[in-house]
C-alpha atoms as a PDB file:
ATOM      1  CA  MET A   1       9.450  71.504 -92.041  1.00  0.00           C
ATOM      2  CA  CYS A   2      11.832  72.038 -89.137  1.00  0.00           C
ATOM      3  CA  HIS A   3       9.354  74.386 -87.460  1.00  0.00           C
ATOM      4  CA  ALA A   4       6.534  71.858 -87.860  1.00  0.00           C
ATOM      5  CA  ILE A   5       8.612  69.053 -86.353  1.00  0.00           C
ATOM      6  CA  LYS A   6       9.664  71.246 -83.432  1.00  0.00           C
ATOM      7  CA  SER A   7       6.088  72.343 -82.721  1.00  0.00           C
ATOM      8  CA  MET A   8       4.502  68.864 -83.028  1.00  0.00           C
ATOM      9  CA  GLY A   9       7.397  66.748 -81.829  1.00  0.00           C
ATOM     10  CA  ASN A  10       9.760  64.657 -83.907  1.00  0.00           C
ATOM     11  CA  PRO A  11       7.761  61.693 -85.297  1.00  0.00           C
ATOM     12  CA  PHE A  12      10.943  59.693 -85.859  1.00  0.00           C
ATOM     13  CA  LEU A  13      11.708  59.649 -82.151  1.00  0.00           C
ATOM     14  CA  ASN A  14       8.318  58.147 -81.302  1.00  0.00           C
ATOM     15  CA  THR A  15       8.697  54.472 -80.456  1.00  0.00           C
ATOM     16  CA  ALA A  16       4.983  53.680 -80.171  1.00  0.00           C
ATOM     17  CA  LYS A  17       3.723  50.505 -81.862  1.00  0.00           C
ATOM     18  CA  GLU A  18       0.517  52.192 -83.086  1.00  0.00           C
ATOM     19  CA  LEU A  19       0.063  54.017 -86.375  1.00  0.00           C
ATOM     20  CA  VAL A  20      -0.380  57.671 -85.377  1.00  0.00           C
ATOM     21  CA  VAL A  21      -1.497  60.764 -87.295  1.00  0.00           C
ATOM     22  CA  LEU A  22       1.364  63.276 -87.017  1.00  0.00           C
ATOM     23  CA  ASP A  23      -0.567  66.464 -86.355  1.00  0.00           C
ATOM     24  CA  THR A  24      -3.338  65.173 -84.041  1.00  0.00           C
ATOM     25  CA  HIS A  25      -1.535  62.147 -82.535  1.00  0.00           C
ATOM     26  CA  ASP A  26      -4.695  60.063 -83.037  1.00  0.00           C
ATOM     27  CA  CYS A  27      -4.169  56.298 -83.237  1.00  0.00           C
ATOM     28  CA  MET A  28      -5.519  54.503 -86.285  1.00  0.00           C
ATOM     29  CA  ASP A  29      -7.938  51.589 -86.040  1.00  0.00           C
ATOM     30  CA  GLY A  30      -6.618  48.079 -86.437  1.00  0.00           C
ATOM     31  CA  GLU A  31      -8.528  47.779 -89.735  1.00  0.00           C
ATOM     32  CA  VAL A  32      -6.558  50.691 -91.205  1.00  0.00           C
ATOM     33  CA  VAL A  33      -3.240  49.238 -90.080  1.00  0.00           C
ATOM     34  CA  GLU A  34      -4.138  45.838 -91.548  1.00  0.00           C
ATOM     35  CA  ALA A  35      -5.212  47.457 -94.839  1.00  0.00           C
ATOM     36  CA  LEU A  36      -1.887  49.280 -95.114  1.00  0.00           C
ATOM     37  CA  HIS A  37       0.061  46.095 -94.447  1.00  0.00           C
ATOM     38  CA  ARG A  38      -1.964  44.149 -97.032  1.00  0.00           C
ATOM     39  CA  MET A  39      -2.106  46.858 -99.732  1.00  0.00           C
ATOM     40  CA  GLU A  40       1.060  45.870-101.635  1.00  0.00           C
ATOM     41  CA  GLN A  41       0.157  42.183-101.711  1.00  0.00           C
ATOM     42  CA  LEU A  42      -3.375  43.013-102.886  1.00  0.00           C
ATOM     43  CA  GLY A  43      -1.993  45.113-105.747  1.00  0.00           C
ATOM     44  CA  LYS A  44       0.371  42.333-106.820  1.00  0.00           C
ATOM     45  CA  GLU A  45      -2.469  39.787-106.786  1.00  0.00           C
ATOM     46  CA  GLN A  46      -4.698  42.053-108.880  1.00  0.00           C
ATOM     47  CA  TYR A  47      -1.882  42.715-111.354  1.00  0.00           C
ATOM     48  CA  SER A  48      -1.176  38.989-111.735  1.00  0.00           C
ATOM     49  CA  ARG A  49      -4.875  38.295-112.250  1.00  0.00           C
ATOM     50  CA  TYR A  50      -5.068  41.069-114.874  1.00  0.00           C
ATOM     51  CA  VAL A  51      -2.058  39.749-116.801  1.00  0.00           C
ATOM     52  CA  SER A  52      -3.430  36.222-116.673  1.00  0.00           C
ATOM     53  CA  ASP A  53      -7.042  37.037-117.618  1.00  0.00           C
ATOM     54  CA  VAL A  54      -6.439  39.792-120.194  1.00  0.00           C
ATOM     55  CA  LEU A  55      -3.036  39.194-121.739  1.00  0.00           C
ATOM     56  CA  VAL A  56      -2.416  35.461-121.446  1.00  0.00           C
ATOM     57  CA  ARG A  57      -5.795  33.684-121.553  1.00  0.00           C
ATOM     58  CA  ARG A  58      -7.659  36.569-123.273  1.00  0.00           C
ATOM     59  CA  GLU A  59     -10.820  35.940-121.276  1.00  0.00           C
ATOM     60  CA  GLU A  60     -11.410  39.626-120.482  1.00  0.00           C
ATOM     61  CA  SER A  61     -11.325  42.664-122.742  1.00  0.00           C
ATOM     62  CA  ILE A  62      -8.532  45.169-122.287  1.00  0.00           C
ATOM     63  CA  HIS A  63     -11.318  47.766-121.949  1.00  0.00           C
ATOM     64  CA  SER A  64     -13.019  46.024-119.021  1.00  0.00           C
ATOM     65  CA  THR A  65     -13.604  48.038-115.879  1.00  0.00           C
ATOM     66  CA  ILE A  66     -11.065  47.539-113.107  1.00  0.00           C
ATOM     67  CA  LYS A  67     -12.592  46.660-109.725  1.00  0.00           C
ATOM     68  CA  ARG A  68     -12.199  49.435-107.177  1.00  0.00           C
ATOM     69  CA  ASN A  69     -10.617  48.584-103.833  1.00  0.00           C
ATOM     70  CA  ASN A  70     -12.595  49.957-100.936  1.00  0.00           C
ATOM     71  CA  LEU A  71     -10.008  49.807 -98.149  1.00  0.00           C
ATOM     72  CA  PRO A  72     -10.403  51.669 -94.860  1.00  0.00           C
ATOM     73  CA  LEU A  73      -7.831  54.465 -94.764  1.00  0.00           C
ATOM     74  CA  PHE A  74      -7.134  57.702 -92.923  1.00  0.00           C
ATOM     75  CA  LYS A  75     -10.063  60.080 -92.621  1.00  0.00           C
END
């Protein structure tokens, strides 16, 4: 780990505002940054909806398929 940080530069000393890949120093698109910022809130909303629909109101089966999130991420 120490060797990798020395060869690529210490990522914790970088004060750039952009989200950067450590090994290539490529900047991520704004869509990726927004998806990462929104990911936790999206998960909480989906969990609340699941509890409400399946456990409380019993409108959906517990065996129903969970919708897949198709968020833009690192590639």
